[in-house]
Amino acid sequence: MLNLLLVDAELELVPPDITSHPAVKASARRRNKKASTLLLDSNLHHSALRGLPLNERRGRPDLVHLFLLIALDSIANHRGMLRCFVHTRNDELITVDPSTRLPKNYPRFVGLMESLLEKGAVPSIEDPLIEIHRLHNFERCMEAIPHGRTVVLSNKGKPVNLSSYFSRDEDLLCLIGGFSKGEFTSDVLSRADEVVSIHEESLPVWTVASELLVNYGNAIREIP
């Protein structure tokens, strides 16, 4: 089983500090919603982001969208050999049922995430496909995921060849950075059994996820 955890994902509702910013208010008017219920998006709210800490990396729900699309449509998921999770900057853990059919349309995905962050589950609390658990720290998020060996993907890690890296019997948890710039803000290294690199330069989220899933998919094809 392969477990993928997107760590420090920049997925959040608009913080209270900037709900009155003109860019946020304009976005809220267009969608006829309260500013506090909008998903923070750097494409729409870049001027408002300047007043927030770590503003250069925040407001990137598109990275979560691409990660989940790639994961849920993968061979590993279709074969029942994948579980995927998202850890947010606010130490929330998002669990995704493998049967989830995620909207490919980005605006629909935004609406889905806004509903998830408000209600705690979608499409409903009674019959959830995606749930969010507010665990308050990274350690508790890790403890909530059943897994064996933990591997962090980083260009600073030990170089590995993914085509021969996976073991058919291993219950592996791979941690991928869910941000576009900077480093992990959570203490991932203390929980890692191994830190590996698949390329000498930093790679975008979707490339790392694709490489892992393609190579793992090839590995499990050999399983009788």
C-alpha atoms as a PDB file:
ATOM      1  CA  MET A   1       0.000   0.000   0.000  1.00  0.00           C
ATOM      2  CA  LEU A   2       1.239   3.477  -0.894  1.00  0.00           C
ATOM      3  CA  ASN A   3       0.159   6.364   1.318  1.00  0.00           C
ATOM      4  CA  LEU A   4       0.715   9.870  -0.031  1.00  0.00           C
ATOM      5  CA  LEU A   5       0.597  12.836   2.320  1.00  0.00           C
ATOM      6  CA  LEU A   6       0.731  16.367   0.936  1.00  0.00           C
ATOM      7  CA  VAL A   7       2.352  18.326   3.781  1.00  0.00           C
ATOM      8  CA  ASP A   8       1.987  22.040   4.609  1.00  0.00           C
ATOM      9  CA  ALA A   9      -0.538  22.513   1.812  1.00  0.00           C
ATOM     10  CA  GLU A  10      -1.512  26.155   1.383  1.00  0.00           C
ATOM     11  CA  LEU A  11      -5.240  25.546   1.632  1.00  0.00           C
ATOM     12  CA  GLU A  12      -7.217  27.867   3.902  1.00  0.00           C
ATOM     13  CA  LEU A  13     -10.160  30.225   4.073  1.00  0.00           C
ATOM     14  CA  VAL A  14      -9.452  33.955   3.896  1.00  0.00           C
ATOM     15  CA  PRO A  15      -7.900  34.909   7.269  1.00  0.00           C
ATOM     16  CA  PRO A  16      -9.783  37.482   9.401  1.00  0.00           C
ATOM     17  CA  ASP A  17      -6.929  39.999   9.009  1.00  0.00           C
ATOM     18  CA  ILE A  18      -7.674  40.555   5.317  1.00  0.00           C
ATOM     19  CA  THR A  19     -11.444  40.018   4.962  1.00  0.00           C
ATOM     20  CA  SER A  20     -11.928  43.781   4.576  1.00  0.00           C
ATOM     21  CA  HIS A  21      -9.254  44.170   1.898  1.00  0.00           C
ATOM     22  CA  PRO A  22     -10.681  45.549  -1.409  1.00  0.00           C
ATOM     23  CA  ALA A  23      -9.463  42.549  -3.430  1.00  0.00           C
ATOM     24  CA  VAL A  24     -11.158  40.115  -1.063  1.00  0.00           C
ATOM     25  CA  LYS A  25     -14.364  42.165  -0.850  1.00  0.00           C
ATOM     26  CA  ALA A  26     -14.528  42.353  -4.650  1.00  0.00           C
ATOM     27  CA  SER A  27     -14.125  38.582  -4.880  1.00  0.00           C
ATOM     28  CA  ALA A  28     -16.870  38.085  -2.289  1.00  0.00           C
ATOM     29  CA  ARG A  29     -19.265  40.384  -4.181  1.00  0.00           C
ATOM     30  CA  ARG A  30     -18.701  38.524  -7.446  1.00  0.00           C
ATOM     31  CA  ARG A  31     -19.614  35.245  -5.797  1.00  0.00           C
ATOM     32  CA  ASN A  32     -22.274  36.638  -3.480  1.00  0.00           C
ATOM     33  CA  LYS A  33     -20.556  35.146  -0.434  1.00  0.00           C
ATOM     34  CA  LYS A  34     -19.128  36.392   2.841  1.00  0.00           C
ATOM     35  CA  ALA A  35     -15.418  37.164   2.578  1.00  0.00           C
ATOM     36  CA  SER A  36     -14.646  34.868   5.508  1.00  0.00           C
ATOM     37  CA  THR A  37     -16.096  31.876   3.623  1.00  0.00           C
ATOM     38  CA  LEU A  38     -13.885  32.285   0.541  1.00  0.00           C
ATOM     39  CA  LEU A  39     -10.906  30.084  -0.194  1.00  0.00           C
ATOM     40  CA  LEU A  40      -7.702  32.123  -0.124  1.00  0.00           C
ATOM     41  CA  ASP A  41      -6.331  32.212  -3.678  1.00  0.00           C
ATOM     42  CA  SER A  42      -3.176  34.068  -4.665  1.00  0.00           C
ATOM     43  CA  ASN A  43      -4.490  34.571  -8.198  1.00  0.00           C
ATOM     44  CA  LEU A  44      -7.400  36.620  -6.871  1.00  0.00           C
ATOM     45  CA  HIS A  45      -6.055  37.973  -3.593  1.00  0.00           C
ATOM     46  CA  HIS A  46      -2.384  38.643  -4.317  1.00  0.00           C
ATOM     47  CA  SER A  47      -2.539  42.288  -3.191  1.00  0.00           C
ATOM     48  CA  ALA A  48      -4.232  41.296   0.075  1.00  0.00           C
ATOM     49  CA  LEU A  49      -1.656  38.575   0.730  1.00  0.00           C
ATOM     50  CA  ARG A  50       1.119  41.132   1.137  1.00  0.00           C
ATOM     51  CA  GLY A  51       0.000  41.758   4.701  1.00  0.00           C
ATOM     52  CA  LEU A  52       0.245  38.095   5.761  1.00  0.00           C
ATOM     53  CA  PRO A  53       3.241  36.143   7.103  1.00  0.00           C
ATOM     54  CA  LEU A  54       4.843  33.837   4.510  1.00  0.00           C
ATOM     55  CA  ASN A  55       2.716  35.602   1.901  1.00  0.00           C
ATOM     56  CA  GLU A  56       4.873  34.434  -1.019  1.00  0.00           C
ATOM     57  CA  ARG A  57       3.655  30.834  -0.662  1.00  0.00           C
ATOM     58  CA  ARG A  58       0.084  31.165   0.598  1.00  0.00           C
ATOM     59  CA  GLY A  59      -3.182  30.862  -1.291  1.00  0.00           C
ATOM     60  CA  ARG A  60      -2.363  27.857  -3.502  1.00  0.00           C
ATOM     61  CA  PRO A  61      -5.391  25.546  -3.481  1.00  0.00           C
ATOM     62  CA  ASP A  62      -4.588  24.752  -7.126  1.00  0.00           C
ATOM     63  CA  LEU A  63      -1.680  22.575  -5.930  1.00  0.00           C
ATOM     64  CA  VAL A  64      -4.062  20.485  -3.819  1.00  0.00           C
ATOM     65  CA  HIS A  65      -6.418  20.177  -6.785  1.00  0.00           C
ATOM     66  CA  LEU A  66      -3.678  18.897  -9.106  1.00  0.00           C
ATOM     67  CA  PHE A  67      -2.304  16.514  -6.471  1.00  0.00           C
ATOM     68  CA  LEU A  68      -5.689  14.923  -5.806  1.00  0.00           C
ATOM     69  CA  LEU A  69      -6.599  14.671  -9.497  1.00  0.00           C
ATOM     70  CA  ILE A  70      -3.349  12.855 -10.257  1.00  0.00           C
ATOM     71  CA  ALA A  71      -3.644  10.574  -7.227  1.00  0.00           C
ATOM     72  CA  LEU A  72      -7.303   9.599  -7.609  1.00  0.00           C
ATOM     73  CA  ASP A  73      -6.944   8.871 -11.341  1.00  0.00           C
ATOM     74  CA  SER A  74      -3.800   6.769 -10.875  1.00  0.00           C
ATOM     75  CA  ILE A  75      -3.413   3.050 -11.566  1.00  0.00           C
ATOM     76  CA  ALA A  76      -2.480   2.538  -7.914  1.00  0.00           C
ATOM     77  CA  ASN A  77      -5.800   4.027  -6.800  1.00  0.00           C
ATOM     78  CA  HIS A  78      -7.806   2.052  -9.340  1.00  0.00           C
ATOM     79  CA  ARG A  79      -6.159  -1.102  -8.008  1.00  0.00           C
ATOM     80  CA  GLY A  80      -6.986  -0.238  -4.398  1.00  0.00           C
ATOM     81  CA  MET A  81      -3.332   0.267  -3.476  1.00  0.00           C
ATOM     82  CA  LEU A  82      -3.362   3.988  -2.638  1.00  0.00           C
ATOM     83  CA  ARG A  83      -4.518   6.225   0.180  1.00  0.00           C
ATOM     84  CA  CYS A  84      -4.020   9.970  -0.128  1.00  0.00           C
ATOM     85  CA  PHE A  85      -4.147  12.672   2.523  1.00  0.00           C
ATOM     86  CA  VAL A  86      -3.642  16.424   2.722  1.00  0.00           C
ATOM     87  CA  HIS A  87      -2.125  18.233   5.705  1.00  0.00           C
ATOM     88  CA  THR A  88      -2.842  21.973   5.704  1.00  0.00           C
ATOM     89  CA  ARG A  89      -0.887  24.917   7.067  1.00  0.00           C
ATOM     90  CA  ASN A  90      -3.383  25.043   9.958  1.00  0.00           C
ATOM     91  CA  ASP A  91      -2.630  21.430  10.972  1.00  0.00           C
ATOM     92  CA  GLU A  92      -5.828  19.987   9.572  1.00  0.00           C
ATOM     93  CA  LEU A  93      -5.795  16.516   8.037  1.00  0.00           C
ATOM     94  CA  ILE A  94      -7.979  15.926   4.990  1.00  0.00           C
ATOM     95  CA  THR A  95      -8.879  12.312   4.254  1.00  0.00           C
ATOM     96  CA  VAL A  96     -10.156  11.333   0.824  1.00  0.00           C
ATOM     97  CA  ASP A  97     -12.177   8.233   0.005  1.00  0.00           C
ATOM     98  CA  PRO A  98     -10.476   6.427  -2.922  1.00  0.00           C
ATOM     99  CA  SER A  99     -13.792   6.317  -4.798  1.00  0.00           C
ATOM    100  CA  THR A 100     -14.103  10.131  -4.814  1.00  0.00           C
ATOM    101  CA  ARG A 101     -14.668  11.658  -8.237  1.00  0.00           C
ATOM    102  CA  LEU A 102     -13.040  15.044  -7.822  1.00  0.00           C
ATOM    103  CA  PRO A 103     -14.278  17.954  -9.979  1.00  0.00           C
ATOM    104  CA  LYS A 104     -11.819  18.580 -12.806  1.00  0.00           C
ATOM    105  CA  ASN A 105     -13.204  22.091 -13.138  1.00  0.00           C
ATOM    106  CA  TYR A 106     -11.168  24.326 -10.817  1.00  0.00           C
ATOM    107  CA  PRO A 107     -13.998  26.717  -9.761  1.00  0.00           C
ATOM    108  CA  ARG A 108     -16.102  23.703  -8.756  1.00  0.00           C
ATOM    109  CA  PHE A 109     -13.166  22.347  -6.754  1.00  0.00           C
ATOM    110  CA  VAL A 110     -12.856  25.709  -4.974  1.00  0.00           C
ATOM    111  CA  GLY A 111     -16.527  25.553  -4.002  1.00  0.00           C
ATOM    112  CA  LEU A 112     -16.070  21.995  -2.758  1.00  0.00           C
ATOM    113  CA  MET A 113     -13.094  22.958  -0.566  1.00  0.00           C
ATOM    114  CA  GLU A 114     -14.946  25.968   0.833  1.00  0.00           C
ATOM    115  CA  SER A 115     -17.802  23.689   1.813  1.00  0.00           C
ATOM    116  CA  LEU A 116     -15.361  21.181   3.329  1.00  0.00           C
ATOM    117  CA  LEU A 117     -13.609  23.824   5.439  1.00  0.00           C
ATOM    118  CA  GLU A 118     -16.933  25.196   6.667  1.00  0.00           C
ATOM    119  CA  LYS A 119     -18.847  21.963   7.289  1.00  0.00           C
ATOM    120  CA  GLY A 120     -16.095  19.439   8.010  1.00  0.00           C
ATOM    121  CA  ALA A 121     -17.173  16.912   5.376  1.00  0.00           C
ATOM    122  CA  VAL A 122     -18.528  16.692   1.814  1.00  0.00           C
ATOM    123  CA  PRO A 123     -20.932  15.885   0.335  1.00  0.00           C
ATOM    124  CA  SER A 124     -22.447  15.422   3.817  1.00  0.00           C
ATOM    125  CA  ILE A 125     -21.529  14.579   7.399  1.00  0.00           C
ATOM    126  CA  GLU A 126     -23.710  11.454   7.179  1.00  0.00           C
ATOM    127  CA  ASP A 127     -22.128  10.128   3.965  1.00  0.00           C
ATOM    128  CA  PRO A 128     -18.692  11.761   3.601  1.00  0.00           C
ATOM    129  CA  LEU A 129     -16.232  11.219   0.777  1.00  0.00           C
ATOM    130  CA  ILE A 130     -13.837  13.923   1.931  1.00  0.00           C
ATOM    131  CA  GLU A 131     -13.424  14.845   5.601  1.00  0.00           C
ATOM    132  CA  ILE A 132     -11.310  17.348   7.481  1.00  0.00           C
ATOM    133  CA  HIS A 133      -9.961  16.633  10.945  1.00  0.00           C
ATOM    134  CA  ARG A 134      -8.691  19.555  13.010  1.00  0.00           C
ATOM    135  CA  LEU A 135      -5.853  17.897  14.894  1.00  0.00           C
ATOM    136  CA  HIS A 136      -3.922  21.065  15.856  1.00  0.00           C
ATOM    137  CA  ASN A 137      -0.410  19.751  15.280  1.00  0.00           C
ATOM    138  CA  PHE A 138       1.581  17.799  12.712  1.00  0.00           C
ATOM    139  CA  GLU A 139       2.406  14.962  15.100  1.00  0.00           C
ATOM    140  CA  ARG A 140      -1.249  14.121  15.601  1.00  0.00           C
ATOM    141  CA  CYS A 141      -1.848  14.230  11.842  1.00  0.00           C
ATOM    142  CA  MET A 142       0.913  11.674  11.328  1.00  0.00           C
ATOM    143  CA  GLU A 143      -0.431   9.462  14.098  1.00  0.00           C
ATOM    144  CA  ALA A 144      -3.852   9.436  12.422  1.00  0.00           C
ATOM    145  CA  ILE A 145      -2.449   7.754   9.292  1.00  0.00           C
ATOM    146  CA  PRO A 146      -1.789   3.988   9.553  1.00  0.00           C
ATOM    147  CA  HIS A 147       1.562   3.321   7.877  1.00  0.00           C
ATOM    148  CA  GLY A 148       4.904   1.592   8.006  1.00  0.00           C
ATOM    149  CA  ARG A 149       8.067   3.294   6.787  1.00  0.00           C
ATOM    150  CA  THR A 150       7.986   7.086   6.327  1.00  0.00           C
ATOM    151  CA  VAL A 151       9.847   8.701   3.431  1.00  0.00           C
ATOM    152  CA  VAL A 152      10.224  12.434   2.805  1.00  0.00           C
ATOM    153  CA  LEU A 153      10.725  13.633  -0.770  1.00  0.00           C
ATOM    154  CA  SER A 154      13.302  16.442  -0.946  1.00  0.00           C
ATOM    155  CA  ASN A 155      15.960  17.478  -3.438  1.00  0.00           C
ATOM    156  CA  LYS A 156      18.332  17.550  -0.446  1.00  0.00           C
ATOM    157  CA  GLY A 157      17.821  13.862   0.258  1.00  0.00           C
ATOM    158  CA  LYS A 158      19.607  10.708  -0.875  1.00  0.00           C
ATOM    159  CA  PRO A 159      19.288  10.209  -4.664  1.00  0.00           C
ATOM    160  CA  VAL A 160      17.172   7.176  -5.567  1.00  0.00           C
ATOM    161  CA  ASN A 161      15.954   5.512  -8.734  1.00  0.00           C
ATOM    162  CA  LEU A 162      12.196   5.156  -8.325  1.00  0.00           C
ATOM    163  CA  SER A 163      11.932   2.413 -10.925  1.00  0.00           C
ATOM    164  CA  SER A 164      13.569   0.014  -8.451  1.00  0.00           C
ATOM    165  CA  TYR A 165      12.709   1.719  -5.155  1.00  0.00           C
ATOM    166  CA  PHE A 166       9.324   0.270  -4.258  1.00  0.00           C
ATOM    167  CA  SER A 167       8.823  -3.039  -2.464  1.00  0.00           C
ATOM    168  CA  ARG A 168       5.677  -4.984  -3.272  1.00  0.00           C
ATOM    169  CA  ASP A 169       4.984  -5.843   0.380  1.00  0.00           C
ATOM    170  CA  GLU A 170       5.695  -2.485   2.012  1.00  0.00           C
ATOM    171  CA  ASP A 171       3.130  -0.166   3.598  1.00  0.00           C
ATOM    172  CA  LEU A 172       4.888   3.072   2.714  1.00  0.00           C
ATOM    173  CA  LEU A 173       4.068   6.690   3.592  1.00  0.00           C
ATOM    174  CA  CYS A 174       5.578   9.307   1.263  1.00  0.00           C
ATOM    175  CA  LEU A 175       5.556  12.971   2.293  1.00  0.00           C
ATOM    176  CA  ILE A 176       5.442  15.613  -0.461  1.00  0.00           C
ATOM    177  CA  GLY A 177       5.647  19.361   0.096  1.00  0.00           C
ATOM    178  CA  GLY A 178       2.336  21.051  -0.711  1.00  0.00           C
ATOM    179  CA  PHE A 179       3.781  24.508  -1.391  1.00  0.00           C
ATOM    180  CA  SER A 180       5.353  26.321  -4.328  1.00  0.00           C
ATOM    181  CA  LYS A 181       8.219  28.085  -2.520  1.00  0.00           C
ATOM    182  CA  GLY A 182      10.369  27.606   0.550  1.00  0.00           C
ATOM    183  CA  GLU A 183      10.777  24.592   2.803  1.00  0.00           C
ATOM    184  CA  PHE A 184       8.594  22.450   5.058  1.00  0.00           C
ATOM    185  CA  THR A 185       7.327  24.453   8.015  1.00  0.00           C
ATOM    186  CA  SER A 186       6.306  21.266   9.838  1.00  0.00           C
ATOM    187  CA  ASP A 187       8.959  19.081  11.455  1.00  0.00           C
ATOM    188  CA  VAL A 188       8.866  16.327   8.853  1.00  0.00           C
ATOM    189  CA  LEU A 189      12.488  15.253   9.280  1.00  0.00           C
ATOM    190  CA  SER A 190      11.996  14.031  12.847  1.00  0.00           C
ATOM    191  CA  ARG A 191       9.317  11.628  11.588  1.00  0.00           C
ATOM    192  CA  ALA A 192      11.246  10.414   8.534  1.00  0.00           C
ATOM    193  CA  ASP A 193      12.873   7.011   8.258  1.00  0.00           C
ATOM    194  CA  GLU A 194      14.485   8.210   5.050  1.00  0.00           C
ATOM    195  CA  VAL A 195      14.814  11.437   3.038  1.00  0.00           C
ATOM    196  CA  VAL A 196      15.157  10.803  -0.686  1.00  0.00           C
ATOM    197  CA  SER A 197      15.650  12.841  -3.823  1.00  0.00           C
ATOM    198  CA  ILE A 198      14.364  11.975  -7.296  1.00  0.00           C
ATOM    199  CA  HIS A 199      15.998  15.012  -8.938  1.00  0.00           C
ATOM    200  CA  GLU A 200      18.761  17.428  -8.057  1.00  0.00           C
ATOM    201  CA  GLU A 201      16.469  20.461  -8.390  1.00  0.00           C
ATOM    202  CA  SER A 202      13.177  21.275  -6.670  1.00  0.00           C
ATOM    203  CA  LEU A 203      10.198  19.899  -8.575  1.00  0.00           C
ATOM    204  CA  PRO A 204       6.552  21.025  -8.547  1.00  0.00           C
ATOM    205  CA  VAL A 205       4.004  19.069  -6.555  1.00  0.00           C
ATOM    206  CA  TRP A 206       2.367  17.496  -9.587  1.00  0.00           C
ATOM    207  CA  THR A 207       5.670  16.219 -10.990  1.00  0.00           C
ATOM    208  CA  VAL A 208       6.715  14.559  -7.726  1.00  0.00           C
ATOM    209  CA  ALA A 209       3.281  12.955  -7.310  1.00  0.00           C
ATOM    210  CA  SER A 210       3.258  11.775 -10.940  1.00  0.00           C
ATOM    211  CA  GLU A 211       6.731  10.218 -10.687  1.00  0.00           C
ATOM    212  CA  LEU A 212       5.824   8.385  -7.484  1.00  0.00           C
ATOM    213  CA  LEU A 213       2.516   7.106  -8.802  1.00  0.00           C
ATOM    214  CA  VAL A 214       3.772   6.016 -12.216  1.00  0.00           C
ATOM    215  CA  ASN A 215       6.691   4.093 -10.742  1.00  0.00           C
ATOM    216  CA  TYR A 216       4.582   2.577  -7.975  1.00  0.00           C
ATOM    217  CA  GLY A 217       1.930   1.666 -10.548  1.00  0.00           C
ATOM    218  CA  ASN A 218       4.553  -0.120 -12.618  1.00  0.00           C
ATOM    219  CA  ALA A 219       5.780  -1.961  -9.522  1.00  0.00           C
ATOM    220  CA  ILE A 220       2.368  -3.276  -8.467  1.00  0.00           C
ATOM    221  CA  ARG A 221       1.588  -4.502 -11.988  1.00  0.00           C
ATOM    222  CA  GLU A 222       4.117  -7.233 -11.246  1.00  0.00           C
ATOM    223  CA  ILE A 223       2.218  -8.356  -8.134  1.00  0.00           C
ATOM    224  CA  PRO A 224       0.369 -11.634  -8.880  1.00  0.00           C
END
